Amino acid sequence: MSNEDRFVDIEIKLAHQEDLVESLNQMVYQQSRRIDQLEAMVAGLAEHIRTSAQAGGGPLNEPPPHY
């Protein structure tokens, strides 16, 4: 195998690794955005529960009246 063939093989492998890194980077970015959305949703739900409890909604685990 000549040096030129080896360089071509290395360039091909490098190109594949660059594509993989870009793909993984995109996936991490998308997951980060989704985590941000979920954190905002959890914060909103926690605030809703907090305000409901303060508004006299009663205990959250109170049994229904028919018990």
PDB file of N, CA and C in Angstrom:
ATOM      1  N   MET A   1       0.855  -1.166   0.000  1.00  0.00           N
ATOM      2  CA  MET A   1       0.000   0.000   0.000  1.00  0.00           C
ATOM      3  C   MET A   1       0.904   1.233   0.000  1.00  0.00           C
ATOM      4  N   SER A   2       0.632   2.121  -0.918  1.00  0.00           N
ATOM      5  CA  SER A   2       1.478   3.316  -1.040  1.00  0.00           C
ATOM      6  C   SER A   2       1.068   4.362  -0.015  1.00  0.00           C
ATOM      7  N   ASN A   3       1.949   5.329   0.145  1.00  0.00           N
ATOM      8  CA  ASN A   3       1.648   6.424   1.069  1.00  0.00           C
ATOM      9  C   ASN A   3       0.401   7.187   0.634  1.00  0.00           C
ATOM     10  N   GLU A   4       0.257   7.335  -0.684  1.00  0.00           N
ATOM     11  CA  GLU A   4      -0.914   8.059  -1.193  1.00  0.00           C
ATOM     12  C   GLU A   4      -2.208   7.331  -0.840  1.00  0.00           C
ATOM     13  N   ASP A   5      -2.211   6.008  -0.971  1.00  0.00           N
ATOM     14  CA  ASP A   5      -3.392   5.218  -0.602  1.00  0.00           C
ATOM     15  C   ASP A   5      -3.697   5.358   0.891  1.00  0.00           C
ATOM     16  N   ARG A   6      -2.642   5.363   1.689  1.00  0.00           N
ATOM     17  CA  ARG A   6      -2.841   5.509   3.131  1.00  0.00           C
ATOM     18  C   ARG A   6      -3.426   6.873   3.463  1.00  0.00           C
ATOM     19  N   PHE A   7      -2.939   7.920   2.790  1.00  0.00           N
ATOM     20  CA  PHE A   7      -3.476   9.257   3.026  1.00  0.00           C
ATOM     21  C   PHE A   7      -4.947   9.347   2.612  1.00  0.00           C
ATOM     22  N   VAL A   8      -5.278   8.713   1.511  1.00  0.00           N
ATOM     23  CA  VAL A   8      -6.675   8.710   1.055  1.00  0.00           C
ATOM     24  C   VAL A   8      -7.551   8.006   2.090  1.00  0.00           C
ATOM     25  N   ASP A   9      -7.088   6.874   2.608  1.00  0.00           N
ATOM     26  CA  ASP A   9      -7.845   6.158   3.636  1.00  0.00           C
ATOM     27  C   ASP A   9      -8.031   7.022   4.887  1.00  0.00           C
ATOM     28  N   ILE A  10      -6.988   7.703   5.292  1.00  0.00           N
ATOM     29  CA  ILE A  10      -7.065   8.579   6.469  1.00  0.00           C
ATOM     30  C   ILE A  10      -8.041   9.723   6.211  1.00  0.00           C
ATOM     31  N   GLU A  11      -8.007  10.301   5.018  1.00  0.00           N
ATOM     32  CA  GLU A  11      -8.926  11.393   4.691  1.00  0.00           C
ATOM     33  C   GLU A  11     -10.378  10.911   4.690  1.00  0.00           C
ATOM     34  N   ILE A  12     -10.606   9.709   4.209  1.00  0.00           N
ATOM     35  CA  ILE A  12     -11.956   9.145   4.199  1.00  0.00           C
ATOM     36  C   ILE A  12     -12.441   8.933   5.633  1.00  0.00           C
ATOM     37  N   LYS A  13     -11.580   8.354   6.469  1.00  0.00           N
ATOM     38  CA  LYS A  13     -11.951   8.135   7.860  1.00  0.00           C
ATOM     39  C   LYS A  13     -12.206   9.460   8.577  1.00  0.00           C
ATOM     40  N   LEU A  14     -11.394  10.454   8.305  1.00  0.00           N
ATOM     41  CA  LEU A  14     -11.570  11.770   8.921  1.00  0.00           C
ATOM     42  C   LEU A  14     -12.898  12.390   8.486  1.00  0.00           C
ATOM     43  N   ALA A  15     -13.248  12.258   7.229  1.00  0.00           N
ATOM     44  CA  ALA A  15     -14.514  12.803   6.738  1.00  0.00           C
ATOM     45  C   ALA A  15     -15.696  12.122   7.438  1.00  0.00           C
ATOM     46  N   HIS A  16     -15.605  10.809   7.618  1.00  0.00           N
ATOM     47  CA  HIS A  16     -16.676  10.083   8.315  1.00  0.00           C
ATOM     48  C   HIS A  16     -16.772  10.526   9.777  1.00  0.00           C
ATOM     49  N   GLN A  17     -15.641  10.733  10.413  1.00  0.00           N
ATOM     50  CA  GLN A  17     -15.646  11.175  11.809  1.00  0.00           C
ATOM     51  C   GLN A  17     -16.201  12.590  11.932  1.00  0.00           C
ATOM     52  N   GLU A  18     -15.881  13.454  10.984  1.00  0.00           N
ATOM     53  CA  GLU A  18     -16.428  14.814  11.007  1.00  0.00           C
ATOM     54  C   GLU A  18     -17.955  14.781  10.865  1.00  0.00           C
ATOM     55  N   ASP A  19     -18.459  13.933   9.991  1.00  0.00           N
ATOM     56  CA  ASP A  19     -19.910  13.786   9.832  1.00  0.00           C
ATOM     57  C   ASP A  19     -20.550  13.270  11.116  1.00  0.00           C
ATOM     58  N   LEU A  20     -19.903  12.296  11.750  1.00  0.00           N
ATOM     59  CA  LEU A  20     -20.422  11.740  12.991  1.00  0.00           C
ATOM     60  C   LEU A  20     -20.436  12.788  14.099  1.00  0.00           C
ATOM     61  N   VAL A  21     -19.363  13.555  14.225  1.00  0.00           N
ATOM     62  CA  VAL A  21     -19.295  14.596  15.249  1.00  0.00           C
ATOM     63  C   VAL A  21     -20.387  15.636  15.006  1.00  0.00           C
ATOM     64  N   GLU A  22     -20.598  16.026  13.771  1.00  0.00           N
ATOM     65  CA  GLU A  22     -21.650  17.001  13.455  1.00  0.00           C
ATOM     66  C   GLU A  22     -23.028  16.446  13.787  1.00  0.00           C
ATOM     67  N   SER A  23     -23.252  15.176  13.475  1.00  0.00           N
ATOM     68  CA  SER A  23     -24.526  14.535  13.786  1.00  0.00           C
ATOM     69  C   SER A  23     -24.751  14.474  15.297  1.00  0.00           C
ATOM     70  N   LEU A  24     -23.735  14.093  16.042  1.00  0.00           N
ATOM     71  CA  LEU A  24     -23.847  14.033  17.497  1.00  0.00           C
ATOM     72  C   LEU A  24     -24.041  15.428  18.085  1.00  0.00           C
ATOM     73  N   ASN A  25     -23.374  16.411  17.541  1.00  0.00           N
ATOM     74  CA  ASN A  25     -23.533  17.786  18.008  1.00  0.00           C
ATOM     75  C   ASN A  25     -24.967  18.257  17.802  1.00  0.00           C
ATOM     76  N   GLN A  26     -25.546  17.947  16.670  1.00  0.00           N
ATOM     77  CA  GLN A  26     -26.936  18.316  16.393  1.00  0.00           C
ATOM     78  C   GLN A  26     -27.877  17.627  17.368  1.00  0.00           C
ATOM     79  N   MET A  27     -27.612  16.370  17.666  1.00  0.00           N
ATOM     80  CA  MET A  27     -28.448  15.629  18.602  1.00  0.00           C
ATOM     81  C   MET A  27     -28.357  16.237  20.008  1.00  0.00           C
ATOM     82  N   VAL A  28     -27.168  16.581  20.440  1.00  0.00           N
ATOM     83  CA  VAL A  28     -26.989  17.199  21.756  1.00  0.00           C
ATOM     84  C   VAL A  28     -27.716  18.536  21.808  1.00  0.00           C
ATOM     85  N   TYR A  29     -27.646  19.308  20.744  1.00  0.00           N
ATOM     86  CA  TYR A  29     -28.344  20.596  20.689  1.00  0.00           C
ATOM     87  C   TYR A  29     -29.854  20.405  20.812  1.00  0.00           C
ATOM     88  N   GLN A  30     -30.400  19.448  20.082  1.00  0.00           N
ATOM     89  CA  GLN A  30     -31.842  19.187  20.131  1.00  0.00           C
ATOM     90  C   GLN A  30     -32.270  18.700  21.518  1.00  0.00           C
ATOM     91  N   GLN A  31     -31.462  17.843  22.116  1.00  0.00           N
ATOM     92  CA  GLN A  31     -31.791  17.353  23.449  1.00  0.00           C
ATOM     93  C   GLN A  31     -31.708  18.483  24.475  1.00  0.00           C
ATOM     94  N   SER A  32     -30.757  19.363  24.321  1.00  0.00           N
ATOM     95  CA  SER A  32     -30.632  20.506  25.222  1.00  0.00           C
ATOM     96  C   SER A  32     -31.858  21.403  25.133  1.00  0.00           C
ATOM     97  N   ARG A  33     -32.334  21.657  23.934  1.00  0.00           N
ATOM     98  CA  ARG A  33     -33.546  22.459  23.763  1.00  0.00           C
ATOM     99  C   ARG A  33     -34.748  21.770  24.393  1.00  0.00           C
ATOM    100  N   ARG A  34     -34.854  20.464  24.215  1.00  0.00           N
ATOM    101  CA  ARG A  34     -35.977  19.719  24.792  1.00  0.00           C
ATOM    102  C   ARG A  34     -35.907  19.742  26.319  1.00  0.00           C
ATOM    103  N   ILE A  35     -34.721  19.605  26.882  1.00  0.00           N
ATOM    104  CA  ILE A  35     -34.557  19.672  28.330  1.00  0.00           C
ATOM    105  C   ILE A  35     -34.993  21.041  28.832  1.00  0.00           C
ATOM    106  N   ASP A  36     -34.620  22.097  28.121  1.00  0.00           N
ATOM    107  CA  ASP A  36     -35.048  23.447  28.505  1.00  0.00           C
ATOM    108  C   ASP A  36     -36.575  23.556  28.499  1.00  0.00           C
ATOM    109  N   GLN A  37     -37.217  22.988  27.481  1.00  0.00           N
ATOM    110  CA  GLN A  37     -38.679  23.015  27.405  1.00  0.00           C
ATOM    111  C   GLN A  37     -39.300  22.253  28.574  1.00  0.00           C
ATOM    112  N   LEU A  38     -38.755  21.089  28.875  1.00  0.00           N
ATOM    113  CA  LEU A  38     -39.294  20.277  29.957  1.00  0.00           C
ATOM    114  C   LEU A  38     -39.093  20.950  31.313  1.00  0.00           C
ATOM    115  N   GLU A  39     -37.944  21.598  31.509  1.00  0.00           N
ATOM    116  CA  GLU A  39     -37.709  22.321  32.758  1.00  0.00           C
ATOM    117  C   GLU A  39     -38.709  23.461  32.918  1.00  0.00           C
ATOM    118  N   ALA A  40     -38.995  24.160  31.832  1.00  0.00           N
ATOM    119  CA  ALA A  40     -39.979  25.245  31.888  1.00  0.00           C
ATOM    120  C   ALA A  40     -41.366  24.680  32.205  1.00  0.00           C
ATOM    121  N   MET A  41     -41.690  23.525  31.629  1.00  0.00           N
ATOM    122  CA  MET A  41     -42.981  22.909  31.884  1.00  0.00           C
ATOM    123  C   MET A  41     -43.099  22.484  33.351  1.00  0.00           C
ATOM    124  N   VAL A  42     -42.065  21.885  33.892  1.00  0.00           N
ATOM    125  CA  VAL A  42     -42.074  21.463  35.292  1.00  0.00           C
ATOM    126  C   VAL A  42     -42.196  22.679  36.204  1.00  0.00           C
ATOM    127  N   ALA A  43     -41.488  23.751  35.891  1.00  0.00           N
ATOM    128  CA  ALA A  43     -41.581  24.967  36.696  1.00  0.00           C
ATOM    129  C   ALA A  43     -43.003  25.527  36.655  1.00  0.00           C
ATOM    130  N   GLY A  44     -43.621  25.505  35.491  1.00  0.00           N
ATOM    131  CA  GLY A  44     -45.000  25.967  35.364  1.00  0.00           C
ATOM    132  C   GLY A  44     -45.963  25.116  36.164  1.00  0.00           C
ATOM    133  N   LEU A  45     -45.776  23.809  36.104  1.00  0.00           N
ATOM    134  CA  LEU A  45     -46.645  22.912  36.879  1.00  0.00           C
ATOM    135  C   LEU A  45     -46.445  23.111  38.379  1.00  0.00           C
ATOM    136  N   ALA A  46     -45.213  23.277  38.803  1.00  0.00           N
ATOM    137  CA  ALA A  46     -44.940  23.505  40.221  1.00  0.00           C
ATOM    138  C   ALA A  46     -45.590  24.809  40.676  1.00  0.00           C
ATOM    139  N   GLU A  47     -45.507  25.834  39.852  1.00  0.00           N
ATOM    140  CA  GLU A  47     -46.137  27.110  40.189  1.00  0.00           C
ATOM    141  C   GLU A  47     -47.651  26.962  40.245  1.00  0.00           C
ATOM    142  N   HIS A  48     -48.221  26.217  39.330  1.00  0.00           N
ATOM    143  CA  HIS A  48     -49.665  25.976  39.319  1.00  0.00           C
ATOM    144  C   HIS A  48     -50.097  25.260  40.603  1.00  0.00           C
ATOM    145  N   ILE A  49     -49.360  24.252  40.987  1.00  0.00           N
ATOM    146  CA  ILE A  49     -49.675  23.516  42.217  1.00  0.00           C
ATOM    147  C   ILE A  49     -49.540  24.433  43.425  1.00  0.00           C
ATOM    148  N   ARG A  50     -48.489  25.233  43.449  1.00  0.00           N
ATOM    149  CA  ARG A  50     -48.260  26.157  44.568  1.00  0.00           C
ATOM    150  C   ARG A  50     -49.409  27.162  44.685  1.00  0.00           C
ATOM    151  N   THR A  51     -49.819  27.745  43.574  1.00  0.00           N
ATOM    152  CA  THR A  51     -50.892  28.736  43.622  1.00  0.00           C
ATOM    153  C   THR A  51     -52.239  28.080  43.926  1.00  0.00           C
ATOM    154  N   SER A  52     -52.449  26.872  43.463  1.00  0.00           N
ATOM    155  CA  SER A  52     -53.694  26.160  43.771  1.00  0.00           C
ATOM    156  C   SER A  52     -53.788  25.861  45.257  1.00  0.00           C
ATOM    157  N   ALA A  53     -52.681  25.470  45.862  1.00  0.00           N
ATOM    158  CA  ALA A  53     -52.679  25.162  47.286  1.00  0.00           C
ATOM    159  C   ALA A  53     -52.892  26.429  48.106  1.00  0.00           C
ATOM    160  N   GLN A  54     -52.321  27.542  47.661  1.00  0.00           N
ATOM    161  CA  GLN A  54     -52.466  28.813  48.376  1.00  0.00           C
ATOM    162  C   GLN A  54     -53.873  29.393  48.212  1.00  0.00           C
ATOM    163  N   ALA A  55     -54.540  29.051  47.125  1.00  0.00           N
ATOM    164  CA  ALA A  55     -55.871  29.588  46.857  1.00  0.00           C
ATOM    165  C   ALA A  55     -56.949  28.839  47.634  1.00  0.00           C
ATOM    166  N   GLY A  56     -56.550  27.925  48.475  1.00  0.00           N
ATOM    167  CA  GLY A  56     -57.523  27.198  49.280  1.00  0.00           C
ATOM    168  C   GLY A  56     -58.061  25.974  48.583  1.00  0.00           C
ATOM    169  N   GLY A  57     -57.294  25.430  47.696  1.00  0.00           N
ATOM    170  CA  GLY A  57     -57.720  24.232  46.981  1.00  0.00           C
ATOM    171  C   GLY A  57     -57.724  23.008  47.868  1.00  0.00           C
ATOM    172  N   GLY A  58     -57.307  23.160  49.093  1.00  0.00           N
ATOM    173  CA  GLY A  58     -57.272  22.024  50.003  1.00  0.00           C
ATOM    174  C   GLY A  58     -56.028  21.190  49.777  1.00  0.00           C
ATOM    175  N   PRO A  59     -55.852  20.208  50.635  1.00  0.00           N
ATOM    176  CA  PRO A  59     -54.690  19.320  50.459  1.00  0.00           C
ATOM    177  C   PRO A  59     -54.755  18.601  49.114  1.00  0.00           C
ATOM    178  N   LEU A  60     -53.607  18.383  48.552  1.00  0.00           N
ATOM    179  CA  LEU A  60     -53.560  17.764  47.225  1.00  0.00           C
ATOM    180  C   LEU A  60     -53.971  16.300  47.242  1.00  0.00           C
ATOM    181  N   ASN A  61     -53.783  15.633  48.362  1.00  0.00           N
ATOM    182  CA  ASN A  61     -54.115  14.206  48.402  1.00  0.00           C
ATOM    183  C   ASN A  61     -55.354  13.950  49.260  1.00  0.00           C
ATOM    184  N   GLU A  62     -56.244  14.908  49.306  1.00  0.00           N
ATOM    185  CA  GLU A  62     -57.496  14.755  50.044  1.00  0.00           C
ATOM    186  C   GLU A  62     -58.403  13.792  49.279  1.00  0.00           C
ATOM    187  N   PRO A  63     -59.031  12.841  49.988  1.00  0.00           N
ATOM    188  CA  PRO A  63     -59.905  11.895  49.281  1.00  0.00           C
ATOM    189  C   PRO A  63     -61.158  12.621  48.765  1.00  0.00           C
ATOM    190  N   PRO A  64     -61.738  12.139  47.693  1.00  0.00           N
ATOM    191  CA  PRO A  64     -62.961  12.744  47.159  1.00  0.00           C
ATOM    192  C   PRO A  64     -64.082  12.663  48.193  1.00  0.00           C
ATOM    193  N   PRO A  65     -65.111  13.500  48.071  1.00  0.00           N
ATOM    194  CA  PRO A  65     -66.184  13.563  49.066  1.00  0.00           C
ATOM    195  C   PRO A  65     -66.976  12.256  49.230  1.00  0.00           C
ATOM    196  N   HIS A  66     -67.003  11.414  48.239  1.00  0.00           N
ATOM    197  CA  HIS A  66     -67.817  10.201  48.332  1.00  0.00           C
ATOM    198  C   HIS A  66     -67.175   9.113  49.195  1.00  0.00           C
ATOM    199  N   TYR A  67     -65.966   9.335  49.729  1.00  0.00           N
ATOM    200  CA  TYR A  67     -65.337   8.330  50.594  1.00  0.00           C
ATOM    201  C   TYR A  67     -65.795   8.466  52.015  1.00  0.00           C
TER     202      TYR A  67
END
